[in-house]
N, C-alpha and C. Protein backbone atom coordinates (compact mmCIF):
# COMPACT_ATOMS: atom_id res chain seq x y z
N MET A 1 14.28 -32.54 22.93
CA MET A 1 15.19 -32.25 21.84
C MET A 1 14.44 -32.10 20.53
N LYS A 2 13.48 -33.01 20.28
CA LYS A 2 12.71 -32.95 19.04
C LYS A 2 11.87 -31.68 18.99
N LYS A 3 11.31 -31.29 20.14
CA LYS A 3 10.49 -30.08 20.19
C LYS A 3 11.34 -28.84 19.87
N SER A 4 12.54 -28.80 20.41
CA SER A 4 13.43 -27.67 20.17
C SER A 4 13.81 -27.58 18.70
N LEU A 5 14.11 -28.71 18.10
CA LEU A 5 14.47 -28.75 16.69
C LEU A 5 13.29 -28.34 15.81
N LEU A 6 12.10 -28.80 16.17
CA LEU A 6 10.90 -28.43 15.42
C LEU A 6 10.62 -26.94 15.54
N LEU A 7 10.73 -26.40 16.74
CA LEU A 7 10.52 -24.97 16.95
C LEU A 7 11.55 -24.15 16.18
N LEU A 8 12.78 -24.56 16.21
CA LEU A 8 13.84 -23.87 15.48
C LEU A 8 13.56 -23.89 13.97
N SER A 9 13.08 -25.01 13.47
CA SER A 9 12.75 -25.12 12.04
C SER A 9 11.64 -24.16 11.66
N PHE A 10 10.59 -24.09 12.48
CA PHE A 10 9.48 -23.17 12.20
C PHE A 10 9.95 -21.72 12.22
N LEU A 11 10.80 -21.38 13.17
CA LEU A 11 11.31 -20.02 13.25
C LEU A 11 12.15 -19.67 12.02
N MET A 12 12.97 -20.59 11.58
CA MET A 12 13.79 -20.35 10.39
C MET A 12 12.93 -20.18 9.15
N ILE A 13 11.92 -21.02 9.00
CA ILE A 13 11.03 -20.92 7.84
C ILE A 13 10.27 -19.60 7.88
N GLY A 14 9.81 -19.19 9.04
CA GLY A 14 9.11 -17.92 9.18
C GLY A 14 9.99 -16.73 8.84
N THR A 15 11.23 -16.78 9.28
CA THR A 15 12.17 -15.70 8.98
C THR A 15 12.46 -15.63 7.49
N ILE A 16 12.68 -16.76 6.88
CA ILE A 16 12.95 -16.79 5.43
C ILE A 16 11.73 -16.27 4.67
N ASN A 17 10.55 -16.66 5.08
CA ASN A 17 9.32 -16.17 4.44
C ASN A 17 9.20 -14.66 4.56
N ALA A 18 9.45 -14.13 5.75
CA ALA A 18 9.34 -12.69 5.97
C ALA A 18 10.35 -11.92 5.12
N LEU A 19 11.55 -12.44 5.01
CA LEU A 19 12.57 -11.77 4.22
C LEU A 19 12.30 -11.90 2.72
N ALA A 20 11.65 -12.96 2.31
CA ALA A 20 11.40 -13.19 0.89
C ALA A 20 10.23 -12.37 0.36
N GLN A 21 9.34 -11.90 1.24
CA GLN A 21 8.20 -11.12 0.78
C GLN A 21 8.68 -9.79 0.24
N LYS A 22 8.19 -9.46 -0.95
CA LYS A 22 8.57 -8.19 -1.55
C LYS A 22 7.65 -7.09 -1.03
N PRO A 23 8.21 -5.92 -0.84
CA PRO A 23 7.36 -4.82 -0.40
C PRO A 23 6.40 -4.39 -1.50
N VAL A 24 5.29 -3.82 -1.11
CA VAL A 24 4.27 -3.38 -2.05
C VAL A 24 4.44 -1.90 -2.34
N TYR A 25 5.04 -1.18 -1.43
CA TYR A 25 5.18 0.27 -1.59
C TYR A 25 6.57 0.72 -1.17
N GLN A 26 6.88 1.97 -1.57
CA GLN A 26 8.14 2.57 -1.17
C GLN A 26 7.89 4.05 -0.90
N ILE A 27 8.35 4.54 0.22
CA ILE A 27 8.22 5.96 0.54
C ILE A 27 9.36 6.70 -0.15
N ASN A 28 9.01 7.58 -1.08
CA ASN A 28 10.03 8.34 -1.81
C ASN A 28 10.34 9.68 -1.17
N LYS A 29 9.34 10.29 -0.55
CA LYS A 29 9.52 11.61 0.04
C LYS A 29 8.57 11.75 1.22
N ILE A 30 9.08 12.27 2.33
CA ILE A 30 8.26 12.48 3.51
C ILE A 30 8.02 13.99 3.64
N GLY A 31 6.75 14.36 3.78
CA GLY A 31 6.38 15.77 3.90
C GLY A 31 6.49 16.24 5.34
N GLU A 32 5.75 17.29 5.65
CA GLU A 32 5.86 17.92 6.97
C GLU A 32 4.79 17.48 7.96
N LYS A 33 3.69 16.92 7.48
CA LYS A 33 2.57 16.61 8.35
C LYS A 33 2.64 15.21 8.95
N TYR A 34 3.11 14.22 8.18
CA TYR A 34 3.12 12.82 8.62
C TYR A 34 4.55 12.34 8.80
N SER A 35 4.76 11.60 9.87
CA SER A 35 6.08 11.00 10.11
C SER A 35 6.18 9.69 9.32
N GLN A 36 7.36 9.17 9.24
CA GLN A 36 7.54 7.89 8.55
C GLN A 36 6.73 6.80 9.23
N SER A 37 6.67 6.81 10.54
CA SER A 37 5.88 5.78 11.25
C SER A 37 4.38 5.95 10.99
N ASP A 38 3.90 7.20 10.85
CA ASP A 38 2.49 7.43 10.49
C ASP A 38 2.18 6.82 9.13
N ILE A 39 3.07 7.06 8.18
CA ILE A 39 2.88 6.58 6.81
C ILE A 39 2.92 5.05 6.78
N GLU A 40 3.92 4.48 7.44
CA GLU A 40 4.05 3.02 7.45
C GLU A 40 2.84 2.36 8.13
N ALA A 41 2.36 2.96 9.22
CA ALA A 41 1.20 2.39 9.91
C ALA A 41 -0.04 2.42 9.02
N ALA A 42 -0.24 3.53 8.32
CA ALA A 42 -1.40 3.64 7.43
C ALA A 42 -1.31 2.62 6.30
N PHE A 43 -0.13 2.41 5.76
CA PHE A 43 0.02 1.44 4.68
C PHE A 43 -0.06 0.01 5.18
N GLU A 44 0.37 -0.23 6.40
CA GLU A 44 0.24 -1.57 6.97
C GLU A 44 -1.23 -1.92 7.20
N ASN A 45 -2.07 -0.90 7.44
CA ASN A 45 -3.50 -1.12 7.63
C ASN A 45 -4.26 -1.25 6.31
N SER A 46 -3.59 -0.97 5.21
CA SER A 46 -4.23 -1.03 3.89
C SER A 46 -4.09 -2.42 3.30
N ASN A 47 -5.09 -2.84 2.52
CA ASN A 47 -4.97 -4.15 1.87
C ASN A 47 -4.51 -4.01 0.42
N PHE A 48 -4.35 -2.80 -0.07
CA PHE A 48 -3.83 -2.49 -1.40
C PHE A 48 -4.73 -2.97 -2.55
N CYS A 49 -5.85 -3.57 -2.25
CA CYS A 49 -6.74 -4.03 -3.30
C CYS A 49 -7.30 -2.81 -4.04
N GLY A 50 -7.12 -2.78 -5.33
CA GLY A 50 -7.56 -1.65 -6.14
C GLY A 50 -6.52 -0.56 -6.28
N LEU A 51 -5.35 -0.72 -5.66
CA LEU A 51 -4.29 0.28 -5.79
C LEU A 51 -3.14 -0.20 -6.67
N ILE A 52 -3.17 -1.44 -7.08
CA ILE A 52 -2.06 -2.02 -7.84
C ILE A 52 -2.38 -2.00 -9.32
N ASN A 53 -1.53 -1.33 -10.09
CA ASN A 53 -1.67 -1.29 -11.54
C ASN A 53 -1.05 -2.53 -12.16
N PRO A 54 -1.53 -2.96 -13.32
CA PRO A 54 -0.99 -4.17 -13.93
C PRO A 54 0.45 -4.04 -14.44
N ASP A 55 0.83 -2.85 -14.92
CA ASP A 55 2.15 -2.78 -15.54
C ASP A 55 2.93 -1.50 -15.27
N GLN A 56 2.43 -0.63 -14.42
CA GLN A 56 3.20 0.56 -14.07
C GLN A 56 2.98 0.91 -12.61
N ASP A 57 4.02 1.48 -12.00
CA ASP A 57 3.92 1.90 -10.61
C ASP A 57 2.94 3.07 -10.50
N TYR A 58 2.37 3.26 -9.33
CA TYR A 58 1.39 4.31 -9.08
C TYR A 58 1.90 5.16 -7.91
N THR A 59 2.09 6.45 -8.15
CA THR A 59 2.57 7.34 -7.11
C THR A 59 1.39 8.02 -6.43
N ILE A 60 1.34 7.87 -5.12
CA ILE A 60 0.31 8.51 -4.31
C ILE A 60 0.92 9.79 -3.73
N LEU A 61 0.23 10.91 -3.95
CA LEU A 61 0.66 12.20 -3.44
C LEU A 61 -0.22 12.57 -2.25
N PHE A 62 0.39 13.01 -1.16
CA PHE A 62 -0.35 13.36 0.05
C PHE A 62 -0.43 14.88 0.20
N ASP A 63 -1.33 15.31 1.08
CA ASP A 63 -1.59 16.72 1.27
C ASP A 63 -0.43 17.50 1.89
N ASP A 64 0.61 16.81 2.35
CA ASP A 64 1.77 17.50 2.93
C ASP A 64 3.01 17.37 2.05
N GLY A 65 2.86 16.82 0.85
CA GLY A 65 4.00 16.66 -0.05
C GLY A 65 4.61 15.27 -0.02
N THR A 66 4.13 14.41 0.86
CA THR A 66 4.63 13.04 0.91
C THR A 66 4.34 12.33 -0.40
N GLU A 67 5.28 11.52 -0.87
CA GLU A 67 5.11 10.72 -2.07
C GLU A 67 5.42 9.27 -1.77
N VAL A 68 4.47 8.40 -2.08
CA VAL A 68 4.64 6.96 -1.88
C VAL A 68 4.32 6.26 -3.19
N VAL A 69 5.19 5.35 -3.59
CA VAL A 69 4.99 4.59 -4.82
C VAL A 69 4.41 3.22 -4.49
N ILE A 70 3.30 2.88 -5.14
CA ILE A 70 2.73 1.53 -5.06
C ILE A 70 3.26 0.78 -6.26
N PHE A 71 3.94 -0.32 -6.02
CA PHE A 71 4.55 -1.07 -7.11
C PHE A 71 3.51 -1.74 -7.99
N SER A 72 3.87 -1.96 -9.24
CA SER A 72 2.98 -2.63 -10.20
C SER A 72 2.86 -4.11 -9.85
N ALA A 73 1.90 -4.76 -10.47
CA ALA A 73 1.59 -6.17 -10.18
C ALA A 73 2.80 -7.10 -10.28
N PRO A 74 3.67 -6.97 -11.30
CA PRO A 74 4.81 -7.89 -11.35
C PRO A 74 5.76 -7.76 -10.15
N LEU A 75 5.83 -6.57 -9.56
CA LEU A 75 6.72 -6.36 -8.41
C LEU A 75 6.02 -6.64 -7.08
N ALA A 76 4.72 -6.44 -7.03
CA ALA A 76 3.94 -6.65 -5.80
C ALA A 76 3.31 -8.03 -5.86
N LYS A 77 4.11 -9.03 -5.71
CA LYS A 77 3.64 -10.41 -5.84
C LYS A 77 2.77 -10.83 -4.67
N GLY A 78 1.94 -11.83 -4.91
CA GLY A 78 1.14 -12.39 -3.84
C GLY A 78 -0.25 -11.80 -3.73
N PHE A 79 -0.67 -11.02 -4.71
CA PHE A 79 -2.00 -10.43 -4.66
C PHE A 79 -2.92 -11.12 -5.64
N ASP A 80 -4.17 -11.27 -5.24
CA ASP A 80 -5.19 -11.84 -6.10
C ASP A 80 -5.37 -10.94 -7.32
N SER A 81 -5.60 -11.51 -8.48
CA SER A 81 -5.73 -10.73 -9.71
C SER A 81 -6.92 -9.77 -9.64
N THR A 82 -7.88 -10.03 -8.78
CA THR A 82 -9.02 -9.11 -8.66
C THR A 82 -8.61 -7.81 -7.97
N CYS A 83 -7.46 -7.79 -7.31
CA CYS A 83 -6.98 -6.57 -6.67
C CYS A 83 -6.22 -5.67 -7.63
N VAL A 84 -5.85 -6.19 -8.78
CA VAL A 84 -5.14 -5.40 -9.77
C VAL A 84 -6.17 -4.61 -10.56
N ARG A 85 -5.94 -3.31 -10.70
CA ARG A 85 -6.90 -2.46 -11.39
C ARG A 85 -6.37 -2.07 -12.76
N GLU A 86 -7.18 -1.38 -13.51
CA GLU A 86 -6.73 -0.84 -14.79
C GLU A 86 -5.87 0.38 -14.52
N ASN A 87 -4.88 0.62 -15.40
CA ASN A 87 -4.09 1.84 -15.26
C ASN A 87 -5.01 3.04 -15.41
N ASN A 88 -4.85 4.00 -14.52
CA ASN A 88 -5.72 5.17 -14.56
C ASN A 88 -4.90 6.43 -14.34
N SER A 89 -4.56 7.10 -15.42
CA SER A 89 -3.73 8.30 -15.30
C SER A 89 -4.49 9.48 -14.74
N LYS A 90 -5.82 9.44 -14.73
CA LYS A 90 -6.62 10.54 -14.19
C LYS A 90 -6.42 10.66 -12.68
N GLU A 91 -5.97 9.61 -12.03
CA GLU A 91 -5.82 9.65 -10.58
C GLU A 91 -4.51 10.26 -10.13
N ASN A 92 -3.67 10.68 -11.05
CA ASN A 92 -2.39 11.27 -10.66
C ASN A 92 -2.56 12.60 -9.95
N ASP A 93 -3.71 13.25 -10.10
CA ASP A 93 -3.94 14.55 -9.47
C ASP A 93 -4.65 14.44 -8.13
N ILE A 94 -4.97 13.24 -7.70
CA ILE A 94 -5.66 13.05 -6.42
C ILE A 94 -4.68 13.27 -5.28
N VAL A 95 -5.11 14.02 -4.28
CA VAL A 95 -4.27 14.27 -3.11
C VAL A 95 -4.85 13.49 -1.94
N TRP A 96 -4.06 12.57 -1.40
CA TRP A 96 -4.48 11.70 -0.31
C TRP A 96 -4.13 12.34 1.03
N SER A 97 -4.64 11.75 2.10
CA SER A 97 -4.29 12.16 3.45
C SER A 97 -4.33 10.92 4.35
N ILE A 98 -3.89 11.10 5.57
CA ILE A 98 -3.95 10.03 6.57
C ILE A 98 -4.73 10.56 7.76
N LYS A 99 -5.72 9.80 8.19
CA LYS A 99 -6.52 10.20 9.35
C LYS A 99 -6.69 9.00 10.25
N SER A 100 -6.26 9.12 11.48
CA SER A 100 -6.36 8.05 12.48
C SER A 100 -5.75 6.75 11.98
N GLY A 101 -4.61 6.84 11.30
CA GLY A 101 -3.90 5.66 10.84
C GLY A 101 -4.48 5.00 9.61
N VAL A 102 -5.37 5.70 8.91
CA VAL A 102 -6.04 5.14 7.74
C VAL A 102 -5.78 6.04 6.54
N LEU A 103 -5.50 5.43 5.38
CA LEU A 103 -5.33 6.19 4.14
C LEU A 103 -6.68 6.76 3.74
N MET A 104 -6.72 8.05 3.44
CA MET A 104 -7.96 8.71 3.04
C MET A 104 -7.80 9.24 1.62
N ARG A 105 -8.68 8.80 0.77
CA ARG A 105 -8.68 9.24 -0.63
C ARG A 105 -9.93 10.08 -0.85
N PRO A 106 -9.78 11.31 -1.31
CA PRO A 106 -10.98 12.11 -1.53
C PRO A 106 -11.82 11.54 -2.66
N MET A 107 -13.10 11.55 -2.47
CA MET A 107 -14.02 11.05 -3.48
C MET A 107 -14.89 12.20 -3.94
N SER A 108 -15.16 12.24 -5.24
CA SER A 108 -16.07 13.28 -5.72
C SER A 108 -17.49 12.79 -5.51
N ALA A 109 -18.33 13.70 -5.11
CA ALA A 109 -19.73 13.33 -4.85
C ALA A 109 -20.62 14.00 -5.90
N THR A 110 -21.52 13.23 -6.41
CA THR A 110 -22.52 13.76 -7.33
C THR A 110 -23.89 13.40 -6.78
N TYR A 111 -24.85 14.23 -7.06
CA TYR A 111 -26.20 13.92 -6.60
C TYR A 111 -27.18 14.38 -7.67
N ASN A 112 -28.33 13.81 -7.60
CA ASN A 112 -29.42 14.19 -8.50
C ASN A 112 -30.42 15.03 -7.71
N LYS A 113 -30.70 16.18 -8.24
CA LYS A 113 -31.67 17.05 -7.60
C LYS A 113 -33.08 16.51 -7.85
N LYS A 114 -33.84 16.39 -6.77
CA LYS A 114 -35.22 15.89 -6.92
C LYS A 114 -36.07 16.97 -7.55
N SER A 115 -36.94 16.56 -8.43
CA SER A 115 -37.82 17.52 -9.10
C SER A 115 -39.02 17.85 -8.26
């Protein structure tokens, strides 16, 4: 009887915890290339560190027209302050993609020509 009551208590606490966690992102628009499950899987694999702005939401645009909003730090609770980045409006033109269940962000490459 005690074991059943203890197990039931843990299950209730776990359920309440899961329901109380606020989402970090919201899918606003789904494009033609990725399904909702593709997008959700890629975001579930992400740790969001470096994607959270301190005071404004950040919209990620994908190569198929998908739009996903990453909530700002006050709304995305539970993250270490080192994961919060500076607001960067220059990144609004970056077009992301998903490859093998992973979010892919294009990076610009620079190199120094050897003399």
